[in-house]
PDB file of all heavy atoms in Angstrom:
ATOM      1  N   ILE A   1      94.039 187.749  71.373  1.00  0.00           N
ATOM      2  CA  ILE A   1      93.786 187.434  72.777  1.00  0.00           C
ATOM      3  C   ILE A   1      93.893 188.707  73.593  1.00  0.00           C
ATOM      4  O   ILE A   1      94.948 189.353  73.611  1.00  0.00           O
ATOM      5  CB  ILE A   1      94.799 186.393  73.295  1.00  0.00           C
ATOM      6  CG1 ILE A   1      94.708 185.107  72.462  1.00  0.00           C
ATOM      7  CG2 ILE A   1      94.590 186.120  74.777  1.00  0.00           C
ATOM      8  CD1 ILE A   1      95.821 184.122  72.743  1.00  0.00           C
ATOM      9  N   LEU A   2      92.805 189.053  74.262  1.00  0.00           N
ATOM     10  CA  LEU A   2      92.810 190.248  75.104  1.00  0.00           C
ATOM     11  C   LEU A   2      93.696 190.016  76.314  1.00  0.00           C
ATOM     12  O   LEU A   2      93.517 189.056  77.062  1.00  0.00           O
ATOM     13  CB  LEU A   2      91.390 190.591  75.558  1.00  0.00           C
ATOM     14  CG  LEU A   2      91.284 191.767  76.524  1.00  0.00           C
ATOM     15  CD1 LEU A   2      91.803 193.054  75.898  1.00  0.00           C
ATOM     16  CD2 LEU A   2      89.846 191.938  76.985  1.00  0.00           C
ATOM     17  N   ASN A   3      94.647 190.902  76.502  1.00  0.00           N
ATOM     18  CA  ASN A   3      95.542 190.854  77.652  1.00  0.00           C
ATOM     19  C   ASN A   3      95.000 191.847  78.677  1.00  0.00           C
ATOM     20  O   ASN A   3      95.245 193.041  78.584  1.00  0.00           O
ATOM     21  CB  ASN A   3      96.972 191.224  77.225  1.00  0.00           C
ATOM     22  CG  ASN A   3      97.958 191.092  78.357  1.00  0.00           C
ATOM     23  OD1 ASN A   3      97.597 190.906  79.511  1.00  0.00           O
ATOM     24  ND2 ASN A   3      99.229 191.204  78.023  1.00  0.00           N
ATOM     25  N   ASN A   4      94.239 191.316  79.624  1.00  0.00           N
ATOM     26  CA  ASN A   4      93.629 192.149  80.658  1.00  0.00           C
ATOM     27  C   ASN A   4      94.171 191.707  82.012  1.00  0.00           C
ATOM     28  O   ASN A   4      93.662 190.764  82.608  1.00  0.00           O
ATOM     29  CB  ASN A   4      92.109 192.016  80.611  1.00  0.00           C
ATOM     30  CG  ASN A   4      91.408 192.887  81.627  1.00  0.00           C
ATOM     31  OD1 ASN A   4      92.041 193.538  82.456  1.00  0.00           O
ATOM     32  ND2 ASN A   4      90.093 192.905  81.567  1.00  0.00           N
ATOM     33  N   PRO A   5      95.214 192.373  82.510  1.00  0.00           N
ATOM     34  CA  PRO A   5      95.845 191.957  83.769  1.00  0.00           C
ATOM     35  C   PRO A   5      94.888 192.001  84.966  1.00  0.00           C
ATOM     36  O   PRO A   5      95.120 191.311  85.957  1.00  0.00           O
ATOM     37  CB  PRO A   5      96.984 192.965  83.958  1.00  0.00           C
ATOM     38  CG  PRO A   5      97.178 193.618  82.643  1.00  0.00           C
ATOM     39  CD  PRO A   5      95.876 193.517  81.909  1.00  0.00           C
ATOM     40  N   ALA A   6      93.830 192.767  84.876  1.00  0.00           N
ATOM     41  CA  ALA A   6      92.883 192.868  85.987  1.00  0.00           C
ATOM     42  C   ALA A   6      91.994 191.633  86.099  1.00  0.00           C
ATOM     43  O   ALA A   6      91.382 191.396  87.135  1.00  0.00           O
ATOM     44  CB  ALA A   6      92.017 194.112  85.818  1.00  0.00           C
ATOM     45  N   LYS A   7      91.910 190.854  85.036  1.00  0.00           N
ATOM     46  CA  LYS A   7      91.044 189.678  85.016  1.00  0.00           C
ATOM     47  C   LYS A   7      91.810 188.448  85.503  1.00  0.00           C
ATOM     48  O   LYS A   7      92.916 188.179  85.061  1.00  0.00           O
ATOM     49  CB  LYS A   7      90.527 189.444  83.590  1.00  0.00           C
ATOM     50  CG  LYS A   7      89.456 188.389  83.488  1.00  0.00           C
ATOM     51  CD  LYS A   7      88.899 188.333  82.082  1.00  0.00           C
ATOM     52  CE  LYS A   7      87.849 187.255  81.982  1.00  0.00           C
ATOM     53  NZ  LYS A   7      87.321 187.127  80.636  1.00  0.00           N
ATOM     54  N   LYS A   8      91.207 187.711  86.426  1.00  0.00           N
ATOM     55  CA  LYS A   8      91.821 186.478  86.930  1.00  0.00           C
ATOM     56  C   LYS A   8      91.619 185.378  85.892  1.00  0.00           C
ATOM     57  O   LYS A   8      90.507 185.010  85.562  1.00  0.00           O
ATOM     58  CB  LYS A   8      91.179 186.078  88.259  1.00  0.00           C
ATOM     59  CG  LYS A   8      91.690 184.768  88.803  1.00  0.00           C
ATOM     60  CD  LYS A   8      92.186 184.905  90.216  1.00  0.00           C
ATOM     61  CE  LYS A   8      92.523 183.573  90.829  1.00  0.00           C
ATOM     62  NZ  LYS A   8      93.719 182.975  90.310  1.00  0.00           N
ATOM     63  N   SER A   9      92.722 184.863  85.382  1.00  0.00           N
ATOM     64  CA  SER A   9      92.673 183.851  84.339  1.00  0.00           C
ATOM     65  C   SER A   9      93.327 182.566  84.818  1.00  0.00           C
ATOM     66  O   SER A   9      94.208 182.580  85.671  1.00  0.00           O
ATOM     67  CB  SER A   9      93.420 184.345  83.093  1.00  0.00           C
ATOM     68  OG  SER A   9      92.830 185.519  82.590  1.00  0.00           O
ATOM     69  N   MET A  10      92.894 181.452  84.232  1.00  0.00           N
ATOM     70  CA  MET A  10      93.521 180.168  84.526  1.00  0.00           C
ATOM     71  C   MET A  10      94.893 180.093  83.871  1.00  0.00           C
ATOM     72  O   MET A  10      95.832 179.561  84.448  1.00  0.00           O
ATOM     73  CB  MET A  10      92.636 179.013  84.034  1.00  0.00           C
ATOM     74  CG  MET A  10      93.266 177.637  84.231  1.00  0.00           C
ATOM     75  SD  MET A  10      92.203 176.287  83.686  1.00  0.00           S
ATOM     76  CE  MET A  10      91.444 175.846  85.247  1.00  0.00           C
ATOM     77  N   PHE A  11      94.993 180.636  82.655  1.00  0.00           N
ATOM     78  CA  PHE A  11      96.225 180.576  81.890  1.00  0.00           C
ATOM     79  C   PHE A  11      96.764 181.975  81.626  1.00  0.00           C
ATOM     80  O   PHE A  11      95.995 182.911  81.428  1.00  0.00           O
ATOM     81  CB  PHE A  11      95.996 179.865  80.546  1.00  0.00           C
ATOM     82  CG  PHE A  11      95.640 178.417  80.698  1.00  0.00           C
ATOM     83  CD1 PHE A  11      94.320 178.003  80.641  1.00  0.00           C
ATOM     84  CD2 PHE A  11      96.627 177.459  80.904  1.00  0.00           C
ATOM     85  CE1 PHE A  11      93.986 176.664  80.789  1.00  0.00           C
ATOM     86  CE2 PHE A  11      96.298 176.121  81.050  1.00  0.00           C
ATOM     87  CZ  PHE A  11      94.978 175.721  80.991  1.00  0.00           C
ATOM     88  N   THR A  12      98.083 182.094  81.588  1.00  0.00           N
ATOM     89  CA  THR A  12      98.697 183.371  81.236  1.00  0.00           C
ATOM     90  C   THR A  12      98.431 183.658  79.765  1.00  0.00           C
ATOM     91  O   THR A  12      98.073 182.747  78.997  1.00  0.00           O
ATOM     92  CB  THR A  12     100.221 183.344  81.471  1.00  0.00           C
ATOM     93  OG1 THR A  12     100.810 182.432  80.530  1.00  0.00           O
ATOM     94  CG2 THR A  12     100.563 182.959  82.912  1.00  0.00           C
ATOM     95  N   VAL A  13      98.651 184.882  79.361  1.00  0.00           N
ATOM     96  CA  VAL A  13      98.503 185.238  77.951  1.00  0.00           C
ATOM     97  C   VAL A  13      99.463 184.420  77.107  1.00  0.00           C
ATOM     98  O   VAL A  13      99.078 183.913  76.047  1.00  0.00           O
ATOM     99  CB  VAL A  13      98.715 186.751  77.740  1.00  0.00           C
ATOM    100  CG1 VAL A  13      98.769 187.102  76.264  1.00  0.00           C
ATOM    101  CG2 VAL A  13      97.602 187.539  78.417  1.00  0.00           C
ATOM    102  N   ASP A  14     100.698 184.266  77.556  1.00  0.00           N
ATOM    103  CA  ASP A  14     101.671 183.474  76.787  1.00  0.00           C
ATOM    104  C   ASP A  14     101.229 182.017  76.632  1.00  0.00           C
ATOM    105  O   ASP A  14     101.393 181.422  75.561  1.00  0.00           O
ATOM    106  CB  ASP A  14     103.055 183.536  77.435  1.00  0.00           C
ATOM    107  CG  ASP A  14     103.718 184.898  77.268  1.00  0.00           C
ATOM    108  OD1 ASP A  14     103.311 185.656  76.367  1.00  0.00           O
ATOM    109  OD2 ASP A  14     104.643 185.202  78.052  1.00  0.00           O
ATOM    110  N   GLU A  15     100.646 181.443  77.690  1.00  0.00           N
ATOM    111  CA  GLU A  15     100.145 180.066  77.600  1.00  0.00           C
ATOM    112  C   GLU A  15      98.991 179.978  76.607  1.00  0.00           C
ATOM    113  O   GLU A  15      98.903 179.027  75.822  1.00  0.00           O
ATOM    114  CB  GLU A  15      99.690 179.569  78.971  1.00  0.00           C
ATOM    115  CG  GLU A  15     100.817 179.299  79.941  1.00  0.00           C
ATOM    116  CD  GLU A  15     100.333 179.007  81.353  1.00  0.00           C
ATOM    117  OE1 GLU A  15      99.363 179.663  81.826  1.00  0.00           O
ATOM    118  OE2 GLU A  15     100.938 178.119  81.993  1.00  0.00           O
ATOM    119  N   ARG A  16      98.103 180.974  76.633  1.00  0.00           N
ATOM    120  CA  ARG A  16      96.962 180.974  75.705  1.00  0.00           C
ATOM    121  C   ARG A  16      97.432 181.132  74.266  1.00  0.00           C
ATOM    122  O   ARG A  16      96.905 180.481  73.357  1.00  0.00           O
ATOM    123  CB  ARG A  16      95.959 182.062  76.086  1.00  0.00           C
ATOM    124  CG  ARG A  16      95.199 181.696  77.351  1.00  0.00           C
ATOM    125  CD  ARG A  16      94.210 182.757  77.735  1.00  0.00           C
ATOM    126  NE  ARG A  16      94.870 183.708  78.637  1.00  0.00           N
ATOM    127  CZ  ARG A  16      94.450 184.935  78.879  1.00  0.00           C
ATOM    128  NH1 ARG A  16      93.380 185.400  78.286  1.00  0.00           N
ATOM    129  NH2 ARG A  16      95.095 185.712  79.717  1.00  0.00           N
ATOM    130  N   ILE A  17      98.439 181.992  74.054  1.00  0.00           N
ATOM    131  CA  ILE A  17      98.996 182.147  72.704  1.00  0.00           C
ATOM    132  C   ILE A  17      99.563 180.811  72.233  1.00  0.00           C
ATOM    133  O   ILE A  17      99.296 180.370  71.112  1.00  0.00           O
ATOM    134  CB  ILE A  17     100.084 183.245  72.676  1.00  0.00           C
ATOM    135  CG1 ILE A  17      99.452 184.630  72.830  1.00  0.00           C
ATOM    136  CG2 ILE A  17     100.908 183.174  71.389  1.00  0.00           C
ATOM    137  CD1 ILE A  17     100.451 185.754  73.034  1.00  0.00           C
ATOM    138  N   GLU A  18     100.343 180.168  73.082  1.00  0.00           N
ATOM    139  CA  GLU A  18     100.950 178.876  72.722  1.00  0.00           C
ATOM    140  C   GLU A  18      99.880 177.835  72.387  1.00  0.00           C
ATOM    141  O   GLU A  18      99.977 177.130  71.372  1.00  0.00           O
ATOM    142  CB  GLU A  18     101.814 178.386  73.881  1.00  0.00           C
ATOM    143  CG  GLU A  18     102.430 177.023  73.651  1.00  0.00           C
ATOM    144  CD  GLU A  18     103.079 176.453  74.910  1.00  0.00           C
ATOM    145  OE1 GLU A  18     103.542 177.242  75.760  1.00  0.00           O
ATOM    146  OE2 GLU A  18     103.093 175.215  75.039  1.00  0.00           O
ATOM    147  N   MET A  19      98.846 177.734  73.227  1.00  0.00           N
ATOM    148  CA  MET A  19      97.791 176.736  72.987  1.00  0.00           C
ATOM    149  C   MET A  19      97.046 177.026  71.688  1.00  0.00           C
ATOM    150  O   MET A  19      96.760 176.105  70.912  1.00  0.00           O
ATOM    151  CB  MET A  19      96.818 176.694  74.167  1.00  0.00           C
ATOM    152  CG  MET A  19      97.416 176.075  75.412  1.00  0.00           C
ATOM    153  SD  MET A  19      96.230 175.869  76.775  1.00  0.00           S
ATOM    154  CE  MET A  19      95.925 177.564  77.254  1.00  0.00           C
ATOM    155  N   LEU A  20      96.731 178.294  71.450  1.00  0.00           N
ATOM    156  CA  LEU A  20      96.005 178.652  70.230  1.00  0.00           C
ATOM    157  C   LEU A  20      96.861 178.464  68.983  1.00  0.00           C
ATOM    158  O   LEU A  20      96.364 177.986  67.961  1.00  0.00           O
ATOM    159  CB  LEU A  20      95.502 180.097  70.308  1.00  0.00           C
ATOM    160  CG  LEU A  20      94.058 180.228  70.755  1.00  0.00           C
ATOM    161  CD1 LEU A  20      93.744 181.630  71.202  1.00  0.00           C
ATOM    162  CD2 LEU A  20      93.115 179.789  69.661  1.00  0.00           C
ATOM    163  N   ARG A  21      98.119 178.837  69.063  1.00  0.00           N
ATOM    164  CA  ARG A  21      98.989 178.639  67.896  1.00  0.00           C
ATOM    165  C   ARG A  21      99.097 177.155  67.551  1.00  0.00           C
ATOM    166  O   ARG A  21      99.060 176.779  66.381  1.00  0.00           O
ATOM    167  CB  ARG A  21     100.372 179.240  68.144  1.00  0.00           C
ATOM    168  CG  ARG A  21     100.367 180.747  68.011  1.00  0.00           C
ATOM    169  CD  ARG A  21     101.729 181.358  68.180  1.00  0.00           C
ATOM    170  NE  ARG A  21     101.643 182.800  67.982  1.00  0.00           N
ATOM    171  CZ  ARG A  21     102.536 183.663  68.437  1.00  0.00           C
ATOM    172  NH1 ARG A  21     103.609 183.237  69.097  1.00  0.00           N
ATOM    173  NH2 ARG A  21     102.364 184.951  68.223  1.00  0.00           N
ATOM    174  N   HIS A  22      99.204 176.318  68.563  1.00  0.00           N
ATOM    175  CA  HIS A  22      99.263 174.878  68.320  1.00  0.00           C
ATOM    176  C   HIS A  22      97.950 174.396  67.690  1.00  0.00           C
ATOM    177  O   HIS A  22      97.962 173.638  66.718  1.00  0.00           O
ATOM    178  CB  HIS A  22      99.554 174.127  69.618  1.00  0.00           C
ATOM    179  CG  HIS A  22      99.720 172.659  69.423  1.00  0.00           C
ATOM    180  ND1 HIS A  22      98.659 171.778  69.456  1.00  0.00           N
ATOM    181  CD2 HIS A  22     100.822 171.912  69.164  1.00  0.00           C
ATOM    182  CE1 HIS A  22      99.098 170.559  69.228  1.00  0.00           C
ATOM    183  NE2 HIS A  22     100.406 170.607  69.056  1.00  0.00           N
ATOM    184  N   ALA A  23      96.833 174.836  68.238  1.00  0.00           N
ATOM    185  CA  ALA A  23      95.524 174.402  67.735  1.00  0.00           C
ATOM    186  C   ALA A  23      95.245 174.925  66.328  1.00  0.00           C
ATOM    187  O   ALA A  23      94.488 174.305  65.576  1.00  0.00           O
ATOM    188  CB  ALA A  23      94.423 174.862  68.694  1.00  0.00           C
ATOM    189  N   CYS A  24      95.858 176.050  65.944  1.00  0.00           N
ATOM    190  CA  CYS A  24      95.605 176.672  64.635  1.00  0.00           C
ATOM    191  C   CYS A  24      96.696 176.373  63.606  1.00  0.00           C
ATOM    192  O   CYS A  24      96.657 176.914  62.497  1.00  0.00           O
ATOM    193  CB  CYS A  24      95.481 178.188  64.796  1.00  0.00           C
ATOM    194  SG  CYS A  24      94.055 178.723  65.734  1.00  0.00           S
ATOM    195  N   GLN A  25      97.639 175.514  63.945  1.00  0.00           N
ATOM    196  CA  GLN A  25      98.791 175.313  63.066  1.00  0.00           C
ATOM    197  C   GLN A  25      98.426 174.793  61.678  1.00  0.00           C
ATOM    198  O   GLN A  25      99.187 174.989  60.733  1.00  0.00           O
ATOM    199  CB  GLN A  25      99.830 174.415  63.723  1.00  0.00           C
ATOM    200  CG  GLN A  25      99.391 173.005  63.988  1.00  0.00           C
ATOM    201  CD  GLN A  25     100.408 172.233  64.822  1.00  0.00           C
ATOM    202  OE1 GLN A  25     101.511 172.712  65.070  1.00  0.00           O
ATOM    203  NE2 GLN A  25     100.031 171.052  65.251  1.00  0.00           N
ATOM    204  N   VAL A  26      97.274 174.182  61.514  1.00  0.00           N
ATOM    205  CA  VAL A  26      96.861 173.679  60.197  1.00  0.00           C
ATOM    206  C   VAL A  26      96.172 174.750  59.358  1.00  0.00           C
ATOM    207  O   VAL A  26      95.776 174.486  58.231  1.00  0.00           O
ATOM    208  CB  VAL A  26      95.931 172.445  60.332  1.00  0.00           C
ATOM    209  CG1 VAL A  26      96.642 171.292  61.020  1.00  0.00           C
ATOM    210  CG2 VAL A  26      94.643 172.809  61.043  1.00  0.00           C
ATOM    211  N   LEU A  27      96.044 175.952  59.901  1.00  0.00           N
ATOM    212  CA  LEU A  27      95.366 177.044  59.200  1.00  0.00           C
ATOM    213  C   LEU A  27      96.397 178.104  58.808  1.00  0.00           C
ATOM    214  O   LEU A  27      96.747 178.958  59.623  1.00  0.00           O
ATOM    215  CB  LEU A  27      94.279 177.645  60.095  1.00  0.00           C
ATOM    216  CG  LEU A  27      93.192 176.679  60.551  1.00  0.00           C
ATOM    217  CD1 LEU A  27      92.352 177.286  61.658  1.00  0.00           C
ATOM    218  CD2 LEU A  27      92.318 176.280  59.369  1.00  0.00           C
TER     219      LEU A  27
END
């Protein structure tokens, strides 16, 4: 996950990591 502080995001990097880890837990 690209951490680009200049880009306005809906979710923080930590939130995106959490969501992706949950979604990828079967892999």
